[in-house]
């Protein structure tokens, strides 16, 4: 595993079924690559809600949007592949 764990940040809302579905699909991919998934409820972060409101769920890595609304598995796999796990 790498010295610095990579993190997917998922901007979501607690009541959002699309958010739950995206996280359920993302977690096995994250485990495969040794990444972790962090959830952020935008309703608790007004500045995030103002920026991302209609796009959630949103998957970010270091502030870079990977996908929104639905999980783009190809984009996530390609993004993870660009950051191989250190032995």
C-alpha atoms as a PDB file:
ATOM      1  CA  UNK A   1       0.000   0.000   0.000  1.00  0.00           C
ATOM      2  CA  UNK A   2       1.237   3.507  -0.734  1.00  0.00           C
ATOM      3  CA  UNK A   3       2.690   5.676   2.006  1.00  0.00           C
ATOM      4  CA  UNK A   4      -0.045   8.242   1.317  1.00  0.00           C
ATOM      5  CA  UNK A   5      -3.522   6.809   0.875  1.00  0.00           C
ATOM      6  CA  UNK A   6      -5.446   8.252  -2.037  1.00  0.00           C
ATOM      7  CA  UNK A   7      -8.977   9.418  -1.322  1.00  0.00           C
ATOM      8  CA  UNK A   8     -12.158   9.710  -3.333  1.00  0.00           C
ATOM      9  CA  UNK A   9     -14.310  12.469  -1.866  1.00  0.00           C
ATOM     10  CA  UNK A  10     -17.990  11.948  -2.592  1.00  0.00           C
ATOM     11  CA  UNK A  11     -20.151  15.030  -2.233  1.00  0.00           C
ATOM     12  CA  UNK A  12     -23.598  13.819  -1.312  1.00  0.00           C
ATOM     13  CA  UNK A  13     -26.740  14.272   0.711  1.00  0.00           C
ATOM     14  CA  UNK A  14     -27.836  11.804   3.359  1.00  0.00           C
ATOM     15  CA  UNK A  15     -31.270  11.268   1.747  1.00  0.00           C
ATOM     16  CA  UNK A  16     -30.005  10.956  -1.855  1.00  0.00           C
ATOM     17  CA  UNK A  17     -30.557   7.467  -3.320  1.00  0.00           C
ATOM     18  CA  UNK A  18     -28.212   8.209  -6.243  1.00  0.00           C
ATOM     19  CA  UNK A  19     -25.512   9.056  -3.716  1.00  0.00           C
ATOM     20  CA  UNK A  20     -25.969   5.727  -1.928  1.00  0.00           C
ATOM     21  CA  UNK A  21     -25.875   3.823  -5.226  1.00  0.00           C
ATOM     22  CA  UNK A  22     -22.719   5.618  -6.355  1.00  0.00           C
ATOM     23  CA  UNK A  23     -20.911   4.924  -3.075  1.00  0.00           C
ATOM     24  CA  UNK A  24     -21.949   1.254  -3.149  1.00  0.00           C
ATOM     25  CA  UNK A  25     -20.438   0.941  -6.640  1.00  0.00           C
ATOM     26  CA  UNK A  26     -17.336   3.020  -5.845  1.00  0.00           C
ATOM     27  CA  UNK A  27     -16.248   1.269  -2.645  1.00  0.00           C
ATOM     28  CA  UNK A  28     -15.155  -2.032  -4.271  1.00  0.00           C
ATOM     29  CA  UNK A  29     -13.178  -0.127  -6.902  1.00  0.00           C
ATOM     30  CA  UNK A  30     -11.517   1.968  -4.212  1.00  0.00           C
ATOM     31  CA  UNK A  31     -10.582  -1.176  -2.248  1.00  0.00           C
ATOM     32  CA  UNK A  32      -9.131  -2.769  -5.387  1.00  0.00           C
ATOM     33  CA  UNK A  33      -6.733   0.151  -5.855  1.00  0.00           C
ATOM     34  CA  UNK A  34      -6.066   0.747  -2.159  1.00  0.00           C
ATOM     35  CA  UNK A  35      -7.962   4.018  -2.064  1.00  0.00           C
ATOM     36  CA  UNK A  36     -10.475   5.176   0.525  1.00  0.00           C
ATOM     37  CA  UNK A  37     -13.875   6.830   0.155  1.00  0.00           C
ATOM     38  CA  UNK A  38     -14.751   9.928   2.171  1.00  0.00           C
ATOM     39  CA  UNK A  39     -18.349  11.176   2.261  1.00  0.00           C
ATOM     40  CA  UNK A  40     -19.167  14.864   2.607  1.00  0.00           C
ATOM     41  CA  UNK A  41     -22.780  15.903   3.196  1.00  0.00           C
ATOM     42  CA  UNK A  42     -23.064  19.171   1.285  1.00  0.00           C
ATOM     43  CA  UNK A  43     -26.046  20.229   3.381  1.00  0.00           C
ATOM     44  CA  UNK A  44     -23.570  20.727   6.232  1.00  0.00           C
ATOM     45  CA  UNK A  45     -21.201  22.743   4.019  1.00  0.00           C
ATOM     46  CA  UNK A  46     -23.006  25.795   2.533  1.00  0.00           C
ATOM     47  CA  UNK A  47     -20.143  26.717   0.200  1.00  0.00           C
ATOM     48  CA  UNK A  48     -20.090  23.195  -1.257  1.00  0.00           C
ATOM     49  CA  UNK A  49     -23.871  23.155  -1.577  1.00  0.00           C
ATOM     50  CA  UNK A  50     -23.774  26.475  -3.438  1.00  0.00           C
ATOM     51  CA  UNK A  51     -21.200  25.113  -5.899  1.00  0.00           C
ATOM     52  CA  UNK A  52     -22.332  21.480  -6.398  1.00  0.00           C
ATOM     53  CA  UNK A  53     -26.042  21.498  -5.490  1.00  0.00           C
ATOM     54  CA  UNK A  54     -27.636  20.030  -8.630  1.00  0.00           C
ATOM     55  CA  UNK A  55     -24.646  17.867  -9.607  1.00  0.00           C
ATOM     56  CA  UNK A  56     -24.515  15.537  -6.625  1.00  0.00           C
ATOM     57  CA  UNK A  57     -23.371  12.954  -6.166  1.00  0.00           C
ATOM     58  CA  UNK A  58     -19.954  14.182  -7.240  1.00  0.00           C
ATOM     59  CA  UNK A  59     -16.708  12.222  -7.048  1.00  0.00           C
ATOM     60  CA  UNK A  60     -13.622  14.363  -6.470  1.00  0.00           C
ATOM     61  CA  UNK A  61      -9.944  13.578  -6.030  1.00  0.00           C
ATOM     62  CA  UNK A  62      -7.884  16.433  -4.619  1.00  0.00           C
ATOM     63  CA  UNK A  63     -10.619  18.836  -5.732  1.00  0.00           C
ATOM     64  CA  UNK A  64     -10.712  17.505  -9.312  1.00  0.00           C
ATOM     65  CA  UNK A  65     -14.110  16.259 -10.498  1.00  0.00           C
ATOM     66  CA  UNK A  66     -13.975  12.679 -11.775  1.00  0.00           C
ATOM     67  CA  UNK A  67     -17.714  12.297 -12.382  1.00  0.00           C
ATOM     68  CA  UNK A  68     -21.143  13.406 -11.171  1.00  0.00           C
ATOM     69  CA  UNK A  69     -24.739  12.098 -11.045  1.00  0.00           C
ATOM     70  CA  UNK A  70     -23.696   8.510 -11.886  1.00  0.00           C
ATOM     71  CA  UNK A  71     -20.450   6.649 -11.328  1.00  0.00           C
ATOM     72  CA  UNK A  72     -18.316   6.684 -14.473  1.00  0.00           C
ATOM     73  CA  UNK A  73     -16.473   3.423 -13.848  1.00  0.00           C
ATOM     74  CA  UNK A  74     -14.191   3.855 -16.858  1.00  0.00           C
ATOM     75  CA  UNK A  75     -13.103   7.301 -15.655  1.00  0.00           C
ATOM     76  CA  UNK A  76     -12.509   6.041 -12.116  1.00  0.00           C
ATOM     77  CA  UNK A  77     -10.481   3.029 -13.296  1.00  0.00           C
ATOM     78  CA  UNK A  78      -8.448   5.239 -15.639  1.00  0.00           C
ATOM     79  CA  UNK A  79      -7.831   7.760 -12.873  1.00  0.00           C
ATOM     80  CA  UNK A  80      -6.751   5.075 -10.394  1.00  0.00           C
ATOM     81  CA  UNK A  81      -4.515   3.474 -12.998  1.00  0.00           C
ATOM     82  CA  UNK A  82      -2.594   6.721 -13.298  1.00  0.00           C
ATOM     83  CA  UNK A  83      -1.628   6.388  -9.605  1.00  0.00           C
ATOM     84  CA  UNK A  84      -0.270   2.865  -9.104  1.00  0.00           C
ATOM     85  CA  UNK A  85      -0.019   1.483  -5.598  1.00  0.00           C
ATOM     86  CA  UNK A  86       3.520   1.473  -4.237  1.00  0.00           C
ATOM     87  CA  UNK A  87       4.832  -1.902  -3.160  1.00  0.00           C
END
